[in-house]
Protein backbone atom coordinates (compact mmCIF):
# COMPACT_ATOMS: atom_id res chain seq x y z
CA UNK A 1 130.16 94.78 113.92
CA UNK A 2 131.87 97.69 112.14
CA UNK A 3 130.02 100.96 111.57
CA UNK A 4 128.18 101.16 108.29
CA UNK A 5 125.54 103.04 106.34
CA UNK A 6 122.61 101.07 104.95
CA UNK A 7 121.12 102.88 101.98
CA UNK A 8 117.60 101.77 101.00
CA UNK A 9 117.73 102.16 97.23
CA UNK A 10 115.41 102.53 94.32
CA UNK A 11 118.18 102.36 91.74
CA UNK A 12 117.57 103.93 88.37
CA UNK A 13 119.43 104.42 85.12
CA UNK A 14 120.03 108.13 84.48
CA UNK A 15 120.35 109.09 80.82
CA UNK A 16 121.70 112.57 80.07
CA UNK A 17 120.88 114.58 76.94
CA UNK A 18 121.81 118.03 75.76
CA UNK A 19 118.95 119.94 74.12
CA UNK A 20 119.12 122.96 71.82
CA UNK A 21 116.44 125.04 73.51
CA UNK A 22 114.31 124.92 76.63
CA UNK A 23 110.86 124.19 75.17
CA UNK A 24 107.59 125.88 76.04
CA UNK A 25 104.42 123.80 76.43
CA UNK A 26 103.61 122.17 73.09
CA UNK A 27 106.97 123.11 71.60
CA UNK A 28 109.85 120.75 70.79
CA UNK A 29 113.62 120.75 71.01
CA UNK A 30 116.28 118.55 69.42
CA UNK A 31 118.39 116.58 71.90
CA UNK A 32 121.75 114.78 71.76
CA UNK A 33 122.69 111.85 73.98
CA UNK A 34 125.57 112.51 76.41
CA UNK A 35 125.95 109.58 78.78
CA UNK A 36 124.28 107.01 81.02
CA UNK A 37 124.90 106.43 84.74
CA UNK A 38 123.46 104.55 87.68
CA UNK A 39 121.37 106.92 89.76
CA UNK A 40 118.69 107.60 92.31
CA UNK A 41 119.37 109.77 95.39
CA UNK A 42 119.91 106.89 97.86
CA UNK A 43 122.39 105.31 95.44
CA UNK A 44 124.19 108.63 94.99
CA UNK A 45 124.32 109.26 98.74
CA UNK A 46 125.64 105.77 99.46
CA UNK A 47 128.24 105.93 96.70
CA UNK A 48 129.49 109.32 97.89
CA UNK A 49 129.75 108.02 101.46
CA UNK A 50 131.66 104.95 100.23
CA UNK A 51 134.03 107.17 98.25
CA UNK A 52 134.98 108.76 101.57
CA UNK A 53 136.18 105.35 102.81
CA UNK A 54 133.06 104.26 104.72
CA UNK A 55 131.32 100.87 104.63
CA UNK A 56 128.00 101.05 102.77
CA UNK A 57 125.42 98.30 102.26
CA UNK A 58 122.74 98.39 99.54
CA UNK A 59 119.19 97.19 100.06
CA UNK A 60 117.58 97.09 96.64
CA UNK A 61 115.34 95.03 94.37
CA UNK A 62 116.11 94.81 90.65
CA UNK A 63 114.17 93.24 87.80
CA UNK A 64 115.20 89.77 86.64
CA UNK A 65 113.97 90.50 83.10
CA UNK A 66 114.99 94.18 83.05
CA UNK A 67 117.86 94.81 80.61
CA UNK A 68 119.37 97.47 82.91
CA UNK A 69 119.85 95.11 85.88
CA UNK A 70 123.36 93.81 84.94
CA UNK A 71 124.52 97.41 84.46
CA UNK A 72 123.06 98.58 87.79
CA UNK A 73 124.46 95.63 89.70
CA UNK A 74 127.93 96.11 88.23
CA UNK A 75 127.80 99.83 89.04
CA UNK A 76 126.82 99.16 92.66
CA UNK A 77 129.85 96.92 93.01
CA UNK A 78 132.12 99.40 91.24
CA UNK A 79 130.93 102.11 93.63
CA UNK A 80 131.94 99.92 96.60
CA UNK A 81 128.49 98.94 97.87
CA UNK A 82 128.10 95.64 99.66
CA UNK A 83 125.44 94.00 97.46
CA UNK A 84 124.89 90.76 99.40
CA UNK A 85 121.22 91.55 100.00
CA UNK A 86 120.36 93.12 96.64
CA UNK A 87 117.43 91.03 95.38
CA UNK A 88 116.84 90.06 91.74
CA UNK A 89 113.13 89.33 91.27
CA UNK A 90 110.62 88.61 88.52
CA UNK A 91 107.98 91.21 87.66
CA UNK A 92 110.16 94.11 88.83
CA UNK A 93 110.84 97.11 86.60
CA UNK A 94 113.86 99.27 87.35
CA UNK A 95 113.53 103.03 87.51
CA UNK A 96 114.73 105.35 84.77
CA UNK A 97 115.41 109.09 84.66
CA UNK A 98 115.74 111.14 81.48
CA UNK A 99 117.70 114.35 82.13
CA UNK A 100 117.75 117.13 79.53
CA UNK A 101 120.30 119.92 79.94
CA UNK A 102 119.78 123.26 78.22
CA UNK A 103 122.38 125.80 79.31
CA UNK A 104 121.79 126.22 83.04
CA UNK A 105 118.25 124.78 82.77
CA UNK A 106 117.49 121.16 83.58
CA UNK A 107 114.41 119.03 82.91
CA UNK A 108 114.01 115.58 84.47
CA UNK A 109 111.50 112.88 83.53
CA UNK A 110 111.31 110.25 86.26
CA UNK A 111 109.96 106.77 85.43
CA UNK A 112 109.31 105.14 88.79
CA UNK A 113 110.29 101.53 89.43
CA UNK A 114 107.61 98.88 89.84
CA UNK A 115 108.23 96.36 92.61
CA UNK A 116 106.62 94.72 95.66
CA UNK A 117 107.52 95.37 99.31
CA UNK A 118 110.49 93.50 100.72
CA UNK A 119 109.71 90.20 102.34
CA UNK A 120 111.12 90.72 105.80
CA UNK A 121 113.52 87.81 106.01
CA UNK A 122 115.83 87.51 109.00
CA UNK A 123 118.89 88.69 107.02
CA UNK A 124 117.23 91.98 106.07
CA UNK A 125 116.07 92.70 109.61
CA UNK A 126 119.57 91.93 110.90
CA UNK A 127 121.08 94.32 108.34
CA UNK A 128 118.68 97.03 109.52
CA UNK A 129 119.30 96.33 113.20
CA UNK A 130 123.10 96.46 112.97
CA UNK A 131 123.37 99.60 110.81
CA UNK A 132 124.91 102.70 112.33
CA UNK A 133 122.83 104.86 110.00
CA UNK A 134 119.99 104.00 107.62
CA UNK A 135 119.31 106.45 104.78
CA UNK A 136 116.44 106.73 102.33
CA UNK A 137 113.84 108.99 100.77
CA UNK A 138 110.39 109.43 102.30
CA UNK A 139 108.61 107.77 99.37
CA UNK A 140 111.10 104.88 99.29
CA UNK A 141 110.05 103.91 102.83
CA UNK A 142 106.44 103.28 101.76
CA UNK A 143 107.59 101.66 98.51
CA UNK A 144 109.96 99.28 100.31
CA UNK A 145 108.08 98.18 103.44
CA UNK A 146 104.50 97.14 104.14
CA UNK A 147 104.80 98.91 107.51
CA UNK A 148 107.48 100.87 109.36
CA UNK A 149 107.75 98.18 112.06
CA UNK A 150 111.09 96.80 110.75
CA UNK A 151 112.57 100.30 110.92
CA UNK A 152 111.17 100.91 114.40
CA UNK A 153 112.75 97.64 115.50
CA UNK A 154 116.06 98.78 114.00
CA UNK A 155 115.83 102.03 115.98
CA UNK A 156 115.32 100.03 119.18
CA UNK A 157 118.53 98.18 118.35
CA UNK A 158 120.44 101.45 118.02
CA UNK A 159 120.28 102.20 114.30
CA UNK A 160 119.79 105.89 113.47
CA UNK A 161 117.49 106.71 110.55
CA UNK A 162 118.25 109.66 108.27
CA UNK A 163 115.64 110.79 105.77
CA UNK A 164 115.51 113.12 102.81
CA UNK A 165 112.45 115.15 103.72
CA UNK A 166 111.52 116.58 100.32
CA UNK A 167 107.76 116.13 99.99
CA UNK A 168 104.49 118.04 99.63
CA UNK A 169 103.20 116.79 103.02
CA UNK A 170 99.59 116.84 101.86
CA UNK A 171 99.19 113.35 103.36
CA UNK A 172 99.07 113.42 107.21
CA UNK A 173 100.32 109.82 107.36
CA UNK A 174 103.60 110.87 105.72
CA UNK A 175 104.10 113.53 108.38
CA UNK A 176 103.57 110.92 111.10
CA UNK A 177 106.03 108.50 109.49
CA UNK A 178 108.68 111.21 109.35
CA UNK A 179 108.33 112.06 113.04
CA UNK A 180 108.17 108.40 114.04
CA UNK A 181 111.39 107.56 112.20
CA UNK A 182 113.67 110.54 111.68
CA UNK A 183 116.82 110.76 113.79
CA UNK A 184 118.32 112.99 111.12
CA UNK A 185 116.71 115.01 108.34
CA UNK A 186 117.95 116.70 105.17
CA UNK A 187 115.25 119.01 103.82
CA UNK A 188 115.12 122.05 101.54
CA UNK A 189 113.52 125.24 102.83
CA UNK A 190 110.41 124.88 100.62
CA UNK A 191 109.64 121.38 101.91
CA UNK A 192 110.45 122.48 105.44
CA UNK A 193 107.80 125.18 105.23
CA UNK A 194 105.26 122.65 103.89
CA UNK A 195 106.12 120.29 106.74
CA UNK A 196 105.74 123.11 109.26
CA UNK A 197 102.29 124.00 107.92
CA UNK A 198 101.18 120.40 108.53
CA UNK A 199 102.85 119.86 111.91
CA UNK A 200 101.76 120.55 115.50
CA UNK A 201 104.89 122.65 116.07
CA UNK A 202 108.30 123.60 114.70
CA UNK A 203 109.57 120.50 112.82
CA UNK A 204 113.19 120.79 113.96
CA UNK A 205 112.08 121.07 117.58
CA UNK A 206 109.77 118.05 117.30
CA UNK A 207 112.59 115.89 115.91
CA UNK A 208 115.33 117.11 118.25
CA UNK A 209 113.12 116.96 121.35
CA UNK A 210 112.16 113.41 120.44
CA UNK A 211 115.77 112.20 120.54
CA UNK A 212 116.74 113.19 117.00
CA UNK A 213 120.36 113.92 116.18
CA UNK A 214 120.17 116.73 113.62
CA UNK A 215 118.07 118.63 111.08
CA UNK A 216 119.69 120.35 108.10
CA UNK A 217 117.69 122.87 106.08
CA UNK A 218 119.30 123.59 102.71
CA UNK A 219 118.79 127.00 101.11
CA UNK A 220 120.19 126.55 97.62
CA UNK A 221 122.85 129.06 96.66
CA UNK A 222 122.61 130.79 100.05
CA UNK A 223 123.93 127.83 102.03
CA UNK A 224 122.47 125.60 104.74
CA UNK A 225 121.67 125.58 108.44
CA UNK A 226 122.38 122.67 110.78
CA UNK A 227 120.10 122.45 113.82
CA UNK A 228 121.26 120.51 116.84
CA UNK A 229 119.71 120.09 120.27
CA UNK A 230 121.89 122.84 121.79
CA UNK A 231 122.80 125.10 118.86
CA UNK A 232 122.45 125.95 115.19
CA UNK A 233 125.21 126.41 112.63
CA UNK A 234 124.95 128.23 109.28
CA UNK A 235 127.40 127.71 106.45
CA UNK A 236 127.25 129.77 103.24
CA UNK A 237 127.71 128.19 99.84
CA UNK A 238 131.08 128.11 98.10
CA UNK A 239 131.35 131.32 96.04
CA UNK A 240 132.36 131.85 92.43
CA UNK A 241 131.53 128.40 91.13
CA UNK A 242 131.53 127.56 87.44
CA UNK A 243 128.47 125.29 87.48
CA UNK A 244 128.45 122.52 84.87
CA UNK A 245 125.57 120.44 86.25
CA UNK A 246 123.82 120.73 89.63
CA UNK A 247 122.33 117.21 89.36
CA UNK A 248 123.07 115.35 92.58
CA UNK A 249 124.53 118.31 94.49
CA UNK A 250 122.16 117.66 97.39
CA UNK A 251 123.10 113.98 97.36
CA UNK A 252 126.79 114.92 97.42
CA UNK A 253 126.10 117.13 100.44
CA UNK A 254 124.17 114.42 102.30
CA UNK A 255 126.58 111.58 101.49
CA UNK A 256 129.56 113.59 102.65
CA UNK A 257 127.83 114.66 105.88
CA UNK A 258 126.94 111.04 106.72
CA UNK A 259 130.53 109.95 105.98
CA UNK A 260 131.71 112.60 108.43
CA UNK A 261 129.30 111.29 111.08
CA UNK A 262 130.65 107.76 110.60
CA UNK A 263 134.20 109.12 111.00
CA UNK A 264 133.08 111.03 114.12
CA UNK A 265 134.10 114.36 112.61
CA UNK A 266 132.58 117.25 114.66
CA UNK A 267 129.30 118.63 113.33
CA UNK A 268 130.62 122.05 112.32
CA UNK A 269 133.48 120.54 110.32
CA UNK A 270 131.08 117.96 108.83
CA UNK A 271 128.80 120.75 107.63
CA UNK A 272 131.75 122.51 106.01
CA UNK A 273 132.95 119.36 104.23
CA UNK A 274 129.39 118.64 103.05
CA UNK A 275 129.00 122.18 101.70
CA UNK A 276 132.24 121.89 99.75
CA UNK A 277 131.29 118.45 98.40
CA UNK A 278 127.93 119.78 97.19
CA UNK A 279 129.76 122.58 95.38
CA UNK A 280 132.34 120.18 93.95
CA UNK A 281 129.53 118.07 92.50
CA UNK A 282 128.23 121.09 90.58
CA UNK A 283 131.49 121.25 88.63
CA UNK A 284 131.11 117.68 87.30
CA UNK A 285 128.45 116.24 84.99
CA UNK A 286 126.02 113.77 86.55
CA UNK A 287 124.53 112.78 89.88
CA UNK A 288 127.77 111.12 91.03
CA UNK A 289 129.85 114.27 90.76
CA UNK A 290 130.52 114.16 94.49
CA UNK A 291 132.76 111.08 94.32
CA UNK A 292 135.72 112.83 95.90
CA UNK A 293 138.07 112.13 98.79
CA UNK A 294 138.42 114.39 101.80
CA UNK A 295 141.82 115.40 100.41
CA UNK A 296 140.18 116.44 97.12
CA UNK A 297 137.71 118.58 99.06
CA UNK A 298 140.46 120.28 101.03
CA UNK A 299 142.24 121.17 97.79
CA UNK A 300 138.99 122.38 96.21
CA UNK A 301 138.21 124.55 99.26
CA UNK A 302 141.66 126.18 99.11
CA UNK A 303 141.24 126.90 95.41
CA UNK A 304 137.99 128.73 96.17
CA UNK A 305 139.23 130.47 99.35
CA UNK A 306 136.65 128.61 101.41
CA UNK A 307 137.54 127.89 105.01
CA UNK A 308 136.79 124.34 106.14
């Protein structure tokens, strides 16, 4: 079977508003509607990977009675997801995110989806088993599966699991799940420090010494560091950006990096492309700002004197 990314989604509808002022507690601010888009980090990551020409499958559950389901399903197809195993079920409520932009400030109100665990039918397990990479958020793992056994079985069949590691790590079971599953990890430096404080050793060493492929620690405007078994690589951020909206910049980074892995682009080059794609996303409104081709990124890098 061809290489593909399986993105375990918790699709949401992102609604963007522009507000007059950034309110203090108890204050108010007038807001104007800008636009609506399909969202959620796993959706963004998958869409960005697909935009780079890679095969991406969606595993998601949408509400049969939810008015946003037709929109989300049509957007998944427009963004080139394979939606064969997207389930439409009763009693499910889709997620929603309200995003208020005030100058360079951003406030997000996340309304979590309500849904049961997946029933592990043969088709879902086969999709997991045959994936080249599986991507999701830490909290989507517990929301999607009654146990991690289906994912462990997928790993035994050769699938590599990549997680977004942003979490507080105040629950020891979440730490264990991460180390049991992660072959690759995207994590910001704040969450990395929290993970380290609740781990028996250096997190990157635990993952890489347990057969993991990579750990990337993002450091905001400073750049990011890629840790591999035999070396580490730092790439600074793209300078002199005119930032319009940083929503989804991390997703643009992750989706591009995974696309590079699927294309077997060397790690150092993959990190450079991912850095540029994250920067590119900041110049476009919305979480899907990273929907760019590799050619677009090469042009963007030249315009900003950034060496790929």
